[in-house]
Protein backbone atom coordinates (compact mmCIF):
# COMPACT_ATOMS: atom_id res chain seq x y z
CA UNK A 1 1.90 -5.70 14.26
CA UNK A 2 1.10 -5.03 10.63
CA UNK A 3 -0.70 -2.37 8.64
CA UNK A 4 -3.47 -2.83 6.14
CA UNK A 5 -4.80 -0.52 3.49
CA UNK A 6 -8.47 -0.44 2.41
CA UNK A 7 -9.03 0.22 -1.29
CA UNK A 8 -11.98 1.67 -3.14
CA UNK A 9 -13.23 0.38 -6.48
CA UNK A 10 -10.50 2.35 -8.29
CA UNK A 11 -7.73 0.90 -6.14
CA UNK A 12 -7.27 4.20 -4.26
CA UNK A 13 -6.39 3.96 -0.60
CA UNK A 14 -9.25 5.19 1.57
CA UNK A 15 -8.01 4.08 4.97
CA UNK A 16 -4.95 2.50 6.63
CA UNK A 17 -5.13 0.62 9.98
CA UNK A 18 -2.82 -1.20 12.33
CA UNK A 19 -3.80 -4.80 12.61
CA UNK A 20 -2.59 -8.30 13.47
CA UNK A 21 0.78 -9.49 12.25
CA UNK A 22 0.30 -11.44 9.03
CA UNK A 23 2.18 -14.46 10.51
CA UNK A 24 -0.23 -14.60 13.55
CA UNK A 25 -2.44 -17.26 12.00
CA UNK A 26 -3.35 -18.94 15.29
CA UNK A 27 -5.79 -16.17 16.21
CA UNK A 28 -7.15 -15.84 12.62
CA UNK A 29 -10.93 -16.29 12.83
CA UNK A 30 -12.26 -19.47 11.27
CA UNK A 31 -13.09 -19.37 7.62
CA UNK A 32 -10.37 -16.93 6.68
CA UNK A 33 -7.09 -17.69 4.91
CA UNK A 34 -5.38 -14.41 5.80
CA UNK A 35 -5.86 -11.10 7.70
CA UNK A 36 -6.41 -9.14 4.48
CA UNK A 37 -9.59 -11.19 3.84
CA UNK A 38 -10.69 -10.84 7.49
CA UNK A 39 -10.21 -7.11 7.62
CA UNK A 40 -11.98 -6.63 4.29
CA UNK A 41 -15.19 -7.90 5.94
CA UNK A 42 -15.02 -5.02 8.50
CA UNK A 43 -15.44 -2.23 5.96
CA UNK A 44 -18.59 -1.95 3.76
CA UNK A 45 -17.06 0.87 1.67
CA UNK A 46 -13.89 -1.02 0.69
CA UNK A 47 -13.42 -3.17 -2.44
CA UNK A 48 -10.12 -4.72 -1.25
CA UNK A 49 -7.66 -4.86 1.61
CA UNK A 50 -3.88 -5.13 1.12
CA UNK A 51 -1.10 -5.39 3.76
CA UNK A 52 1.41 -2.56 3.63
CA UNK A 53 4.82 -2.13 5.21
CA UNK A 54 5.41 0.87 7.48
CA UNK A 55 9.15 0.40 6.90
CA UNK A 56 9.03 0.53 3.11
CA UNK A 57 9.62 3.87 1.24
CA UNK A 58 10.69 4.38 -2.35
CA UNK A 59 10.91 0.60 -2.84
CA UNK A 60 13.54 0.38 -0.06
CA UNK A 61 13.25 -1.04 3.45
CA UNK A 62 14.33 1.50 6.09
CA UNK A 63 16.18 -1.09 8.15
CA UNK A 64 17.88 -3.15 5.37
CA UNK A 65 15.03 -5.66 5.21
CA UNK A 66 13.08 -6.56 2.23
CA UNK A 67 10.95 -3.83 0.65
CA UNK A 68 7.28 -4.67 0.51
CA UNK A 69 4.77 -3.26 -2.11
CA UNK A 70 6.95 -0.28 -3.02
CA UNK A 71 5.77 2.19 -0.45
CA UNK A 72 3.83 2.35 2.83
CA UNK A 73 0.29 3.10 1.72
CA UNK A 74 -1.26 6.41 2.57
CA UNK A 75 -4.56 8.10 1.92
CA UNK A 76 -4.91 8.87 -1.76
CA UNK A 77 -2.23 6.41 -2.83
CA UNK A 78 -3.04 3.96 -5.61
CA UNK A 79 -2.55 0.23 -5.51
CA UNK A 80 -1.09 -1.09 -8.78
CA UNK A 81 -2.17 -4.73 -8.84
CA UNK A 82 -0.06 -5.55 -11.91
CA UNK A 83 3.09 -4.59 -10.14
CA UNK A 84 1.82 -5.24 -6.57
CA UNK A 85 2.91 -1.84 -5.30
CA UNK A 86 1.47 1.32 -3.73
CA UNK A 87 2.08 4.53 -5.65
CA UNK A 88 1.83 7.92 -3.99
CA UNK A 89 -0.32 10.61 -5.66
CA UNK A 90 1.46 12.44 -8.48
CA UNK A 91 2.75 15.74 -7.17
CA UNK A 92 1.71 19.02 -8.73
CA UNK A 93 4.05 21.94 -9.07
CA UNK A 94 3.35 24.59 -11.72
CA UNK A 95 5.75 24.40 -14.63
CA UNK A 96 7.23 21.03 -13.55
CA UNK A 97 6.38 17.61 -14.94
CA UNK A 98 6.85 14.40 -13.04
CA UNK A 99 7.14 10.77 -14.18
CA UNK A 100 6.88 7.59 -12.20
CA UNK A 101 10.19 5.85 -11.52
CA UNK A 102 9.38 2.15 -11.58
CA UNK A 103 12.60 1.35 -9.72
CA UNK A 104 11.58 3.31 -6.69
CA UNK A 105 7.80 3.62 -7.28
CA UNK A 106 8.05 7.37 -6.62
CA UNK A 107 7.53 10.45 -8.70
CA UNK A 108 10.67 12.19 -10.06
CA UNK A 109 10.94 15.56 -11.82
CA UNK A 110 11.51 15.28 -15.54
CA UNK A 111 14.70 16.97 -16.51
CA UNK A 112 14.34 19.10 -19.64
């Protein structure tokens, strides 16, 4: 079992689904190289589809595996194609600034 994130034209996640394991190529429909390409054909409102790992948070795998794409994608996350990671929405808290930590791909409070 794998999860896939559908992206809009601005690389914002608009939907996440559970789908076929990426290594299950025996059942991949003819004419497709991977499940991302196949699932993309199932959504008219999506510009792209990317696999995401349910077990990856803050660029770390929950069970000592290999982290995949920074974070498990969620609604409103952004896919950064240059770094191949999903970035959560920047938090808002009045009077507090946040910056993106590129080691964890998460937002951290700026110490003043």
